[in-house]
Amino acid sequence: MTKPKFLFSVIFLLIAGAAGVFAQTDSRPPKADPCYEVVLQTIVASNAGGGRDAVPPALAGIVKKLKAGYDFSDYRLMNSFLQRTNNYIEYKSLANDFGQTADKNYPAFFEWSLKGIQNLVNAQGKNVLQFESFRFGMRVPLVNAARDESGKPLPASVSYEGIGLSTMRFSLPENEPTVVGSLATAKPGELLFLVLTVRPVE
């Protein structure tokens, strides 16, 4: 009878010890998810500025690469958007000059979103940030001006057309400006480049 009692005591002590360890581990505060600083910048490329680039020094390398592949002489920074997130961004706003018509009563709208950020290591052993999806979209006004039989202008009708781009499952280096897409603007001979810079933060 002594041996079974001894074994029962040992088993009881092991269970109690494991429960104590689990209780100590469980009482620790949960670990925060990684956080990232996301900067989306839009660069307009054209031949209308006399070849004088107007971009910050951090984007000089991007402009140099674009000039090697596109026949534009002028690059200017149109917008910069800074967001902080651990997984998801959705941003909507009025557009300033992209897609703007001559009639200021009909503004353009834009939105962009980014979802599912992961910090991974690529085949070369370098840290990269992978995204589940990225979207940049615009809603631009289409104004239909009409006249009656006498030639008198009628009230204009306006409809909005959605344009933009979406991409899935792509990656980019940490803290390195990277072109993720391009769009034509409402002005002939212009192109809009989308540049993402993402860096882990404390």
N, C-alpha and C. Protein backbone atom coordinates (compact mmCIF):
# COMPACT_ATOMS: atom_id res chain seq x y z
N MET A 1 0.83 -1.20 0.00
CA MET A 1 0.00 0.00 0.00
C MET A 1 0.86 1.25 0.00
N THR A 2 2.09 1.12 0.45
CA THR A 2 2.96 2.30 0.53
C THR A 2 3.32 2.79 -0.85
N LYS A 3 3.63 1.83 -1.76
CA LYS A 3 4.08 2.21 -3.09
C LYS A 3 3.00 2.95 -3.87
N PRO A 4 1.76 2.49 -3.92
CA PRO A 4 0.72 3.26 -4.62
C PRO A 4 0.52 4.65 -4.04
N LYS A 5 0.59 4.76 -2.70
CA LYS A 5 0.44 6.08 -2.09
C LYS A 5 1.58 7.00 -2.52
N PHE A 6 2.79 6.43 -2.59
CA PHE A 6 3.96 7.21 -3.00
C PHE A 6 3.80 7.70 -4.44
N LEU A 7 3.36 6.77 -5.33
CA LEU A 7 3.17 7.15 -6.73
C LEU A 7 2.09 8.21 -6.87
N PHE A 8 1.01 8.07 -6.10
CA PHE A 8 -0.06 9.06 -6.15
C PHE A 8 0.43 10.42 -5.71
N SER A 9 1.27 10.43 -4.67
CA SER A 9 1.81 11.70 -4.17
C SER A 9 2.69 12.36 -5.23
N VAL A 10 3.53 11.54 -5.89
CA VAL A 10 4.43 12.08 -6.92
C VAL A 10 3.62 12.66 -8.08
N ILE A 11 2.61 11.92 -8.54
CA ILE A 11 1.76 12.38 -9.65
C ILE A 11 1.05 13.67 -9.27
N PHE A 12 0.55 13.71 -8.04
CA PHE A 12 -0.15 14.92 -7.58
C PHE A 12 0.78 16.13 -7.58
N LEU A 13 2.01 15.93 -7.10
CA LEU A 13 2.98 17.03 -7.06
C LEU A 13 3.34 17.50 -8.46
N LEU A 14 3.48 16.55 -9.41
CA LEU A 14 3.80 16.93 -10.79
C LEU A 14 2.67 17.75 -11.41
N ILE A 15 1.43 17.30 -11.17
CA ILE A 15 0.28 18.02 -11.72
C ILE A 15 0.18 19.41 -11.11
N ALA A 16 0.37 19.50 -9.81
CA ALA A 16 0.29 20.79 -9.13
C ALA A 16 1.39 21.73 -9.61
N GLY A 17 2.60 21.15 -9.80
CA GLY A 17 3.70 21.98 -10.29
C GLY A 17 3.44 22.49 -11.70
N ALA A 18 2.92 21.61 -12.58
CA ALA A 18 2.61 22.02 -13.95
C ALA A 18 1.53 23.09 -13.96
N ALA A 19 0.54 22.93 -13.08
CA ALA A 19 -0.52 23.93 -13.01
C ALA A 19 0.02 25.27 -12.55
N GLY A 20 0.98 25.24 -11.60
CA GLY A 20 1.58 26.47 -11.12
C GLY A 20 2.37 27.17 -12.21
N VAL A 21 3.13 26.37 -12.97
CA VAL A 21 3.90 26.96 -14.08
C VAL A 21 2.96 27.56 -15.12
N PHE A 22 1.89 26.83 -15.46
CA PHE A 22 0.93 27.34 -16.43
C PHE A 22 0.28 28.63 -15.94
N ALA A 23 -0.05 28.65 -14.64
CA ALA A 23 -0.68 29.85 -14.08
C ALA A 23 0.27 31.04 -14.16
N GLN A 24 1.57 30.82 -13.90
CA GLN A 24 2.53 31.90 -13.98
C GLN A 24 2.68 32.39 -15.42
N THR A 25 2.74 31.43 -16.37
CA THR A 25 2.87 31.81 -17.78
C THR A 25 1.63 32.55 -18.25
N ASP A 26 0.47 32.07 -17.83
CA ASP A 26 -0.78 32.66 -18.27
C ASP A 26 -0.98 34.05 -17.73
N SER A 27 -0.35 34.38 -16.59
CA SER A 27 -0.54 35.68 -15.97
C SER A 27 0.30 36.77 -16.63
N ARG A 28 1.19 36.39 -17.52
CA ARG A 28 2.00 37.40 -18.19
C ARG A 28 1.14 38.20 -19.17
N PRO A 29 1.45 39.49 -19.35
CA PRO A 29 0.65 40.29 -20.30
C PRO A 29 0.85 39.79 -21.73
N PRO A 30 -0.19 39.84 -22.56
CA PRO A 30 -0.06 39.38 -23.95
C PRO A 30 0.94 40.23 -24.73
N LYS A 31 1.61 39.60 -25.66
CA LYS A 31 2.62 40.28 -26.46
C LYS A 31 1.95 41.10 -27.56
N ALA A 32 2.40 42.34 -27.73
CA ALA A 32 1.81 43.22 -28.74
C ALA A 32 2.19 42.76 -30.15
N ASP A 33 1.28 42.96 -31.10
CA ASP A 33 1.57 42.66 -32.50
C ASP A 33 2.60 43.65 -33.03
N PRO A 34 3.40 43.23 -34.01
CA PRO A 34 4.36 44.16 -34.62
C PRO A 34 3.63 45.36 -35.23
N CYS A 35 4.27 46.52 -35.17
CA CYS A 35 3.68 47.74 -35.71
C CYS A 35 4.57 48.27 -36.84
N TYR A 36 3.94 48.90 -37.83
CA TYR A 36 4.68 49.37 -39.00
C TYR A 36 4.27 50.80 -39.34
N GLU A 37 5.23 51.54 -39.83
CA GLU A 37 4.97 52.87 -40.37
C GLU A 37 4.94 52.76 -41.89
N VAL A 38 3.81 53.14 -42.47
CA VAL A 38 3.60 53.00 -43.91
C VAL A 38 3.51 54.38 -44.54
N VAL A 39 4.35 54.63 -45.54
CA VAL A 39 4.33 55.91 -46.26
C VAL A 39 4.01 55.62 -47.73
N LEU A 40 2.90 56.17 -48.20
CA LEU A 40 2.54 56.09 -49.61
C LEU A 40 2.78 57.46 -50.23
N GLN A 41 3.59 57.49 -51.29
CA GLN A 41 3.89 58.74 -51.99
C GLN A 41 3.50 58.60 -53.46
N THR A 42 2.94 59.67 -54.02
CA THR A 42 2.56 59.67 -55.43
C THR A 42 3.45 60.65 -56.18
N ILE A 43 4.08 60.16 -57.24
CA ILE A 43 4.98 60.96 -58.06
C ILE A 43 4.36 61.11 -59.44
N VAL A 44 4.28 62.35 -59.93
CA VAL A 44 3.76 62.63 -61.26
C VAL A 44 4.95 62.82 -62.21
N ALA A 45 4.94 62.08 -63.31
CA ALA A 45 5.98 62.17 -64.32
C ALA A 45 5.41 62.80 -65.58
N SER A 46 6.14 63.76 -66.15
CA SER A 46 5.69 64.43 -67.38
C SER A 46 6.89 65.06 -68.07
N ASN A 47 6.62 65.77 -69.14
CA ASN A 47 7.65 66.54 -69.85
C ASN A 47 7.33 68.03 -69.81
N ALA A 48 6.53 68.44 -68.82
CA ALA A 48 6.05 69.82 -68.78
C ALA A 48 6.85 70.73 -67.86
N GLY A 49 7.79 70.19 -67.11
CA GLY A 49 8.46 71.02 -66.11
C GLY A 49 9.86 71.45 -66.47
N GLY A 50 10.28 71.26 -67.70
CA GLY A 50 11.61 71.70 -68.09
C GLY A 50 12.73 70.86 -67.53
N GLY A 51 12.42 69.63 -67.13
CA GLY A 51 13.47 68.74 -66.66
C GLY A 51 13.95 69.00 -65.25
N ARG A 52 13.20 69.77 -64.48
CA ARG A 52 13.60 70.05 -63.09
C ARG A 52 12.78 69.19 -62.14
N ASP A 53 13.42 68.19 -61.57
CA ASP A 53 12.72 67.29 -60.66
C ASP A 53 12.43 67.98 -59.33
N ALA A 54 11.27 67.67 -58.76
CA ALA A 54 10.89 68.23 -57.47
C ALA A 54 10.46 67.09 -56.55
N VAL A 55 11.43 66.32 -56.12
CA VAL A 55 11.18 65.20 -55.20
C VAL A 55 12.15 65.29 -54.04
N PRO A 56 11.80 64.76 -52.86
CA PRO A 56 12.72 64.76 -51.73
C PRO A 56 13.92 63.85 -51.99
N PRO A 57 15.03 64.09 -51.30
CA PRO A 57 16.24 63.27 -51.52
C PRO A 57 15.99 61.77 -51.37
N ALA A 58 15.08 61.38 -50.49
CA ALA A 58 14.82 59.95 -50.27
C ALA A 58 14.28 59.25 -51.51
N LEU A 59 13.72 60.02 -52.44
CA LEU A 59 13.14 59.44 -53.66
C LEU A 59 14.03 59.63 -54.88
N ALA A 60 15.22 60.16 -54.68
CA ALA A 60 16.12 60.40 -55.81
C ALA A 60 16.47 59.09 -56.52
N GLY A 61 16.69 58.02 -55.75
CA GLY A 61 17.01 56.72 -56.35
C GLY A 61 15.86 56.18 -57.18
N ILE A 62 14.62 56.39 -56.71
CA ILE A 62 13.45 55.95 -57.45
C ILE A 62 13.37 56.69 -58.79
N VAL A 63 13.56 58.01 -58.76
CA VAL A 63 13.49 58.80 -60.00
C VAL A 63 14.57 58.36 -60.98
N LYS A 64 15.75 58.07 -60.47
CA LYS A 64 16.84 57.61 -61.35
C LYS A 64 16.46 56.31 -62.07
N LYS A 65 15.84 55.38 -61.35
CA LYS A 65 15.41 54.13 -61.96
C LYS A 65 14.29 54.35 -62.97
N LEU A 66 13.36 55.25 -62.65
CA LEU A 66 12.25 55.51 -63.56
C LEU A 66 12.75 56.15 -64.86
N LYS A 67 13.72 57.04 -64.75
CA LYS A 67 14.24 57.69 -65.95
C LYS A 67 14.93 56.68 -66.87
N ALA A 68 15.42 55.59 -66.31
CA ALA A 68 16.06 54.56 -67.14
C ALA A 68 15.04 53.77 -67.95
N GLY A 69 13.77 53.81 -67.53
CA GLY A 69 12.76 53.02 -68.23
C GLY A 69 11.65 53.81 -68.88
N TYR A 70 11.55 55.12 -68.57
CA TYR A 70 10.49 55.95 -69.11
C TYR A 70 11.06 57.23 -69.71
N ASP A 71 10.39 57.73 -70.73
CA ASP A 71 10.87 58.91 -71.44
C ASP A 71 10.20 60.18 -70.90
N PHE A 72 10.37 60.42 -69.60
CA PHE A 72 9.87 61.65 -68.98
C PHE A 72 11.07 62.46 -68.47
N SER A 73 10.96 63.77 -68.57
CA SER A 73 12.06 64.63 -68.12
C SER A 73 11.82 65.22 -66.74
N ASP A 74 10.56 65.24 -66.30
CA ASP A 74 10.22 65.94 -65.06
C ASP A 74 9.46 65.01 -64.11
N TYR A 75 9.87 65.00 -62.86
CA TYR A 75 9.21 64.21 -61.82
C TYR A 75 8.95 65.12 -60.62
N ARG A 76 7.73 65.07 -60.12
CA ARG A 76 7.41 65.88 -58.94
C ARG A 76 6.57 65.06 -57.96
N LEU A 77 6.80 65.33 -56.69
CA LEU A 77 6.02 64.66 -55.65
C LEU A 77 4.67 65.35 -55.52
N MET A 78 3.60 64.58 -55.66
CA MET A 78 2.26 65.16 -55.56
C MET A 78 1.72 65.05 -54.14
N ASN A 79 1.82 63.87 -53.53
CA ASN A 79 1.25 63.66 -52.19
C ASN A 79 2.11 62.68 -51.40
N SER A 80 2.07 62.83 -50.09
CA SER A 80 2.66 61.86 -49.16
C SER A 80 1.64 61.56 -48.08
N PHE A 81 1.45 60.27 -47.80
CA PHE A 81 0.51 59.84 -46.77
C PHE A 81 1.24 58.94 -45.79
N LEU A 82 1.13 59.28 -44.52
CA LEU A 82 1.78 58.51 -43.46
C LEU A 82 0.73 57.86 -42.58
N GLN A 83 0.82 56.53 -42.43
CA GLN A 83 -0.10 55.78 -41.59
C GLN A 83 0.71 54.83 -40.71
N ARG A 84 0.16 54.53 -39.55
CA ARG A 84 0.78 53.58 -38.63
C ARG A 84 -0.21 52.44 -38.39
N THR A 85 0.25 51.20 -38.53
CA THR A 85 -0.68 50.08 -38.44
C THR A 85 0.06 48.81 -38.04
N ASN A 86 -0.70 47.80 -37.64
CA ASN A 86 -0.10 46.48 -37.42
C ASN A 86 -0.63 45.46 -38.43
N ASN A 87 -1.65 45.87 -39.21
CA ASN A 87 -2.18 44.89 -40.17
C ASN A 87 -3.00 45.48 -41.31
N TYR A 88 -3.73 46.57 -41.07
CA TYR A 88 -4.72 47.00 -42.06
C TYR A 88 -4.83 48.51 -42.11
N ILE A 89 -4.89 49.06 -43.33
CA ILE A 89 -5.09 50.50 -43.55
C ILE A 89 -6.19 50.68 -44.58
N GLU A 90 -7.08 51.62 -44.32
CA GLU A 90 -8.06 52.05 -45.32
C GLU A 90 -8.18 53.56 -45.23
N TYR A 91 -7.89 54.26 -46.33
CA TYR A 91 -7.85 55.71 -46.35
C TYR A 91 -8.69 56.23 -47.50
N LYS A 92 -9.54 57.24 -47.24
CA LYS A 92 -10.38 57.85 -48.26
C LYS A 92 -10.32 59.37 -48.11
N SER A 93 -10.28 60.08 -49.25
CA SER A 93 -10.18 61.52 -49.18
C SER A 93 -10.52 62.15 -50.53
N LEU A 94 -10.64 63.49 -50.52
CA LEU A 94 -10.72 64.24 -51.76
C LEU A 94 -9.37 64.24 -52.45
N ALA A 95 -9.37 64.19 -53.77
CA ALA A 95 -8.13 64.33 -54.52
C ALA A 95 -7.88 65.81 -54.77
N ASN A 96 -6.60 66.18 -54.91
CA ASN A 96 -6.32 67.59 -55.17
C ASN A 96 -6.28 67.91 -56.65
N ASP A 97 -5.26 67.41 -57.39
CA ASP A 97 -5.20 67.76 -58.81
C ASP A 97 -5.28 66.56 -59.74
N PHE A 98 -5.21 65.35 -59.21
CA PHE A 98 -5.30 64.18 -60.09
C PHE A 98 -6.74 63.95 -60.51
N GLY A 99 -6.99 63.94 -61.82
CA GLY A 99 -8.33 63.70 -62.33
C GLY A 99 -9.26 64.88 -62.17
N GLN A 100 -8.74 66.04 -61.77
CA GLN A 100 -9.61 67.19 -61.54
C GLN A 100 -10.07 67.80 -62.85
N THR A 101 -11.34 68.06 -62.97
CA THR A 101 -11.88 68.71 -64.16
C THR A 101 -11.79 70.21 -64.02
N ALA A 102 -12.07 70.90 -65.10
CA ALA A 102 -12.03 72.36 -65.07
C ALA A 102 -13.09 72.92 -64.14
N ASP A 103 -14.20 72.22 -64.00
CA ASP A 103 -15.28 72.65 -63.12
C ASP A 103 -15.00 72.13 -61.72
N LYS A 104 -14.69 73.05 -60.81
CA LYS A 104 -14.34 72.66 -59.45
C LYS A 104 -15.54 72.17 -58.64
N ASN A 105 -16.75 72.26 -59.23
CA ASN A 105 -17.92 71.76 -58.52
C ASN A 105 -17.98 70.25 -58.49
N TYR A 106 -17.13 69.62 -59.30
CA TYR A 106 -17.14 68.16 -59.38
C TYR A 106 -15.76 67.63 -59.00
N PRO A 107 -15.49 67.49 -57.72
CA PRO A 107 -14.16 67.03 -57.30
C PRO A 107 -13.96 65.54 -57.57
N ALA A 108 -12.72 65.15 -57.57
CA ALA A 108 -12.38 63.73 -57.67
C ALA A 108 -12.11 63.19 -56.27
N PHE A 109 -12.31 61.90 -56.08
CA PHE A 109 -12.08 61.25 -54.79
C PHE A 109 -11.11 60.09 -55.00
N PHE A 110 -10.35 59.80 -53.96
CA PHE A 110 -9.47 58.65 -54.06
C PHE A 110 -9.46 57.88 -52.75
N GLU A 111 -9.01 56.64 -52.83
CA GLU A 111 -8.88 55.81 -51.64
C GLU A 111 -7.77 54.80 -51.86
N TRP A 112 -7.14 54.41 -50.78
CA TRP A 112 -6.15 53.34 -50.88
C TRP A 112 -6.22 52.49 -49.62
N SER A 113 -5.86 51.24 -49.79
CA SER A 113 -5.90 50.32 -48.66
C SER A 113 -4.75 49.33 -48.76
N LEU A 114 -4.36 48.84 -47.61
CA LEU A 114 -3.28 47.84 -47.51
C LEU A 114 -3.67 46.86 -46.42
N LYS A 115 -3.48 45.57 -46.68
CA LYS A 115 -3.98 44.55 -45.75
C LYS A 115 -2.97 43.43 -45.57
N GLY A 116 -2.86 42.94 -44.36
CA GLY A 116 -2.11 41.72 -44.07
C GLY A 116 -0.61 41.85 -44.18
N ILE A 117 0.04 42.56 -43.26
CA ILE A 117 1.49 42.74 -43.30
C ILE A 117 2.17 41.62 -42.53
N GLN A 118 3.21 41.03 -43.14
CA GLN A 118 4.01 40.01 -42.48
C GLN A 118 5.50 40.31 -42.68
N ASN A 119 6.28 40.13 -41.63
CA ASN A 119 7.73 40.30 -41.70
C ASN A 119 8.35 38.92 -41.95
N LEU A 120 8.93 38.74 -43.15
CA LEU A 120 9.46 37.44 -43.55
C LEU A 120 10.90 37.56 -44.02
N VAL A 121 11.50 36.43 -44.32
CA VAL A 121 12.86 36.38 -44.87
C VAL A 121 12.78 35.78 -46.26
N ASN A 122 13.39 36.46 -47.25
CA ASN A 122 13.33 35.95 -48.62
C ASN A 122 14.40 34.90 -48.88
N ALA A 123 14.51 34.44 -50.12
CA ALA A 123 15.44 33.36 -50.46
C ALA A 123 16.89 33.77 -50.26
N GLN A 124 17.17 35.08 -50.31
CA GLN A 124 18.54 35.57 -50.11
C GLN A 124 18.87 35.84 -48.63
N GLY A 125 17.90 35.56 -47.75
CA GLY A 125 18.14 35.76 -46.32
C GLY A 125 17.91 37.18 -45.85
N LYS A 126 17.29 38.03 -46.68
CA LYS A 126 17.04 39.41 -46.30
C LYS A 126 15.62 39.56 -45.79
N ASN A 127 15.45 40.48 -44.82
CA ASN A 127 14.12 40.75 -44.30
C ASN A 127 13.28 41.49 -45.34
N VAL A 128 12.07 40.99 -45.58
CA VAL A 128 11.13 41.65 -46.48
C VAL A 128 9.77 41.72 -45.79
N LEU A 129 8.95 42.63 -46.27
CA LEU A 129 7.60 42.77 -45.78
C LEU A 129 6.63 42.32 -46.87
N GLN A 130 5.81 41.36 -46.54
CA GLN A 130 4.86 40.81 -47.51
C GLN A 130 3.46 41.27 -47.16
N PHE A 131 2.66 41.57 -48.21
CA PHE A 131 1.32 42.09 -48.03
C PHE A 131 0.32 41.15 -48.68
N GLU A 132 -0.81 41.01 -48.05
CA GLU A 132 -1.88 40.20 -48.63
C GLU A 132 -2.51 40.93 -49.82
N SER A 133 -2.70 42.24 -49.68
CA SER A 133 -3.29 42.99 -50.79
C SER A 133 -2.99 44.49 -50.65
N PHE A 134 -2.99 45.18 -51.79
CA PHE A 134 -2.85 46.63 -51.84
C PHE A 134 -3.78 47.14 -52.93
N ARG A 135 -4.47 48.25 -52.64
CA ARG A 135 -5.38 48.83 -53.62
C ARG A 135 -5.28 50.34 -53.59
N PHE A 136 -5.27 50.94 -54.78
CA PHE A 136 -5.32 52.40 -54.92
C PHE A 136 -6.38 52.69 -55.97
N GLY A 137 -7.38 53.49 -55.60
CA GLY A 137 -8.48 53.75 -56.51
C GLY A 137 -8.89 55.21 -56.53
N MET A 138 -9.47 55.62 -57.65
CA MET A 138 -9.99 56.97 -57.83
C MET A 138 -11.43 56.90 -58.32
N ARG A 139 -12.21 57.90 -57.95
CA ARG A 139 -13.53 58.12 -58.53
C ARG A 139 -13.50 59.49 -59.19
N VAL A 140 -13.49 59.50 -60.52
CA VAL A 140 -13.32 60.76 -61.26
C VAL A 140 -14.66 61.14 -61.90
N PRO A 141 -14.95 62.47 -61.95
CA PRO A 141 -16.23 62.91 -62.51
C PRO A 141 -16.22 62.94 -64.02
N LEU A 142 -17.31 62.47 -64.61
CA LEU A 142 -17.54 62.57 -66.05
C LEU A 142 -18.73 63.50 -66.25
N VAL A 143 -18.44 64.71 -66.74
CA VAL A 143 -19.47 65.74 -66.87
C VAL A 143 -20.02 65.73 -68.29
N ASN A 144 -21.32 65.62 -68.40
CA ASN A 144 -21.99 65.61 -69.70
C ASN A 144 -22.71 66.94 -69.89
N ALA A 145 -22.13 67.83 -70.70
CA ALA A 145 -22.74 69.14 -70.99
C ALA A 145 -23.65 69.01 -72.20
N ALA A 146 -24.89 69.45 -72.08
CA ALA A 146 -25.87 69.35 -73.16
C ALA A 146 -26.49 70.72 -73.44
N ARG A 147 -27.08 70.85 -74.62
CA ARG A 147 -27.78 72.07 -75.02
C ARG A 147 -29.16 71.70 -75.57
N ASP A 148 -30.08 72.66 -75.45
CA ASP A 148 -31.40 72.42 -76.00
C ASP A 148 -31.42 72.75 -77.50
N GLU A 149 -32.58 72.70 -78.11
CA GLU A 149 -32.68 72.90 -79.56
C GLU A 149 -32.23 74.28 -79.99
N SER A 150 -32.36 75.27 -79.11
CA SER A 150 -31.95 76.63 -79.45
C SER A 150 -30.47 76.88 -79.19
N GLY A 151 -29.79 75.88 -78.65
CA GLY A 151 -28.38 76.04 -78.35
C GLY A 151 -28.10 76.53 -76.94
N LYS A 152 -29.14 76.70 -76.14
CA LYS A 152 -28.98 77.16 -74.77
C LYS A 152 -28.46 76.01 -73.90
N PRO A 153 -27.43 76.27 -73.07
CA PRO A 153 -26.88 75.20 -72.22
C PRO A 153 -27.91 74.66 -71.24
N LEU A 154 -27.96 73.38 -71.11
CA LEU A 154 -28.80 72.72 -70.12
C LEU A 154 -27.97 72.38 -68.89
N PRO A 155 -28.63 72.19 -67.75
CA PRO A 155 -27.86 71.79 -66.56
C PRO A 155 -27.06 70.52 -66.84
N ALA A 156 -25.80 70.58 -66.49
CA ALA A 156 -24.91 69.44 -66.77
C ALA A 156 -25.24 68.27 -65.85
N SER A 157 -25.09 67.09 -66.38
CA SER A 157 -25.23 65.88 -65.57
C SER A 157 -23.82 65.31 -65.33
N VAL A 158 -23.64 64.73 -64.19
CA VAL A 158 -22.32 64.20 -63.85
C VAL A 158 -22.45 62.78 -63.32
N SER A 159 -21.54 61.94 -63.72
CA SER A 159 -21.45 60.59 -63.18
C SER A 159 -20.00 60.34 -62.81
N TYR A 160 -19.79 59.41 -61.89
CA TYR A 160 -18.44 59.13 -61.42
C TYR A 160 -18.01 57.75 -61.89
N GLU A 161 -16.80 57.70 -62.42
CA GLU A 161 -16.22 56.45 -62.90
C GLU A 161 -15.07 56.04 -61.99
N GLY A 162 -15.06 54.79 -61.61
CA GLY A 162 -13.99 54.28 -60.75
C GLY A 162 -12.81 53.77 -61.57
N ILE A 163 -11.60 54.18 -61.21
CA ILE A 163 -10.38 53.70 -61.83
C ILE A 163 -9.41 53.32 -60.72
N GLY A 164 -8.36 52.59 -61.07
CA GLY A 164 -7.37 52.27 -60.05
C GLY A 164 -6.67 50.96 -60.33
N LEU A 165 -5.99 50.46 -59.31
CA LEU A 165 -5.28 49.19 -59.45
C LEU A 165 -5.35 48.42 -58.13
N SER A 166 -5.27 47.11 -58.26
CA SER A 166 -5.24 46.22 -57.10
C SER A 166 -4.18 45.15 -57.35
N THR A 167 -3.50 44.76 -56.29
CA THR A 167 -2.50 43.70 -56.41
C THR A 167 -2.54 42.84 -55.17
N MET A 168 -2.17 41.58 -55.33
CA MET A 168 -2.24 40.61 -54.23
C MET A 168 -0.88 39.97 -54.00
N ARG A 169 -0.59 39.67 -52.74
CA ARG A 169 0.57 38.86 -52.37
C ARG A 169 1.87 39.35 -52.99
N PHE A 170 2.34 40.50 -52.55
CA PHE A 170 3.62 41.00 -53.03
C PHE A 170 4.47 41.40 -51.83
N SER A 171 5.76 41.57 -52.05
CA SER A 171 6.66 41.92 -50.96
C SER A 171 7.59 43.03 -51.40
N LEU A 172 8.17 43.71 -50.43
CA LEU A 172 9.15 44.76 -50.69
C LEU A 172 10.14 44.82 -49.54
N PRO A 173 11.33 45.40 -49.77
CA PRO A 173 12.34 45.47 -48.70
C PRO A 173 11.90 46.43 -47.60
N GLU A 174 12.40 46.19 -46.40
CA GLU A 174 12.13 47.09 -45.29
C GLU A 174 12.78 48.45 -45.53
N ASN A 175 12.03 49.51 -45.24
CA ASN A 175 12.53 50.88 -45.23
C ASN A 175 13.23 51.27 -46.53
N GLU A 176 12.69 50.79 -47.65
CA GLU A 176 13.26 51.12 -48.96
C GLU A 176 12.13 51.52 -49.91
N PRO A 177 12.10 52.79 -50.38
CA PRO A 177 11.04 53.21 -51.30
C PRO A 177 10.96 52.28 -52.51
N THR A 178 9.74 51.82 -52.82
CA THR A 178 9.54 50.85 -53.89
C THR A 178 8.32 51.23 -54.71
N VAL A 179 8.47 51.27 -56.03
CA VAL A 179 7.34 51.54 -56.92
C VAL A 179 6.45 50.30 -56.96
N VAL A 180 5.16 50.48 -56.66
CA VAL A 180 4.23 49.35 -56.63
C VAL A 180 3.18 49.43 -57.73
N GLY A 181 3.18 50.51 -58.53
CA GLY A 181 2.22 50.60 -59.61
C GLY A 181 2.23 51.97 -60.25
N SER A 182 1.47 52.11 -61.33
CA SER A 182 1.36 53.39 -62.03
C SER A 182 -0.02 53.53 -62.64
N LEU A 183 -0.44 54.78 -62.84
CA LEU A 183 -1.73 55.10 -63.43
C LEU A 183 -1.58 56.30 -64.36
N ALA A 184 -2.36 56.33 -65.43
CA ALA A 184 -2.42 57.52 -66.26
C ALA A 184 -3.28 58.58 -65.55
N THR A 185 -2.92 59.85 -65.70
CA THR A 185 -3.72 60.93 -65.12
C THR A 185 -4.67 61.48 -66.18
N ALA A 186 -5.44 62.50 -65.78
CA ALA A 186 -6.38 63.10 -66.72
C ALA A 186 -5.67 63.98 -67.75
N LYS A 187 -4.41 64.30 -67.53
CA LYS A 187 -3.67 65.15 -68.46
C LYS A 187 -2.87 64.29 -69.42
N PRO A 188 -2.89 64.62 -70.70
CA PRO A 188 -2.11 63.84 -71.68
C PRO A 188 -0.62 63.91 -71.37
N GLY A 189 0.07 62.82 -71.59
CA GLY A 189 1.51 62.81 -71.39
C GLY A 189 1.96 62.81 -69.95
N GLU A 190 1.08 62.38 -69.03
CA GLU A 190 1.44 62.29 -67.61
C GLU A 190 1.21 60.87 -67.11
N LEU A 191 2.01 60.50 -66.12
CA LEU A 191 1.85 59.20 -65.48
C LEU A 191 2.06 59.38 -63.99
N LEU A 192 1.25 58.67 -63.22
CA LEU A 192 1.33 58.73 -61.76
C LEU A 192 1.95 57.44 -61.25
N PHE A 193 3.04 57.55 -60.49
CA PHE A 193 3.69 56.39 -59.90
C PHE A 193 3.39 56.34 -58.40
N LEU A 194 3.09 55.13 -57.91
CA LEU A 194 2.80 54.90 -56.50
C LEU A 194 4.04 54.29 -55.84
N VAL A 195 4.52 54.93 -54.78
CA VAL A 195 5.74 54.49 -54.11
C VAL A 195 5.41 54.19 -52.65
N LEU A 196 5.73 52.96 -52.21
CA LEU A 196 5.51 52.55 -50.82
C LEU A 196 6.85 52.44 -50.09
N THR A 197 6.86 52.96 -48.86
CA THR A 197 7.99 52.75 -47.96
C THR A 197 7.42 52.26 -46.63
N VAL A 198 7.85 51.10 -46.17
CA VAL A 198 7.32 50.51 -44.95
C VAL A 198 8.49 50.13 -44.04
N ARG A 199 8.37 50.53 -42.78
CA ARG A 199 9.43 50.23 -41.82
C ARG A 199 8.83 49.75 -40.51
N PRO A 200 9.38 48.71 -39.89
CA PRO A 200 8.91 48.31 -38.57
C PRO A 200 9.25 49.40 -37.55
N VAL A 201 8.37 49.62 -36.58
CA VAL A 201 8.58 50.60 -35.53
C VAL A 201 8.34 49.95 -34.18
N GLU A 202 8.83 50.59 -33.14
CA GLU A 202 8.65 50.06 -31.78
C GLU A 202 7.19 50.23 -31.35
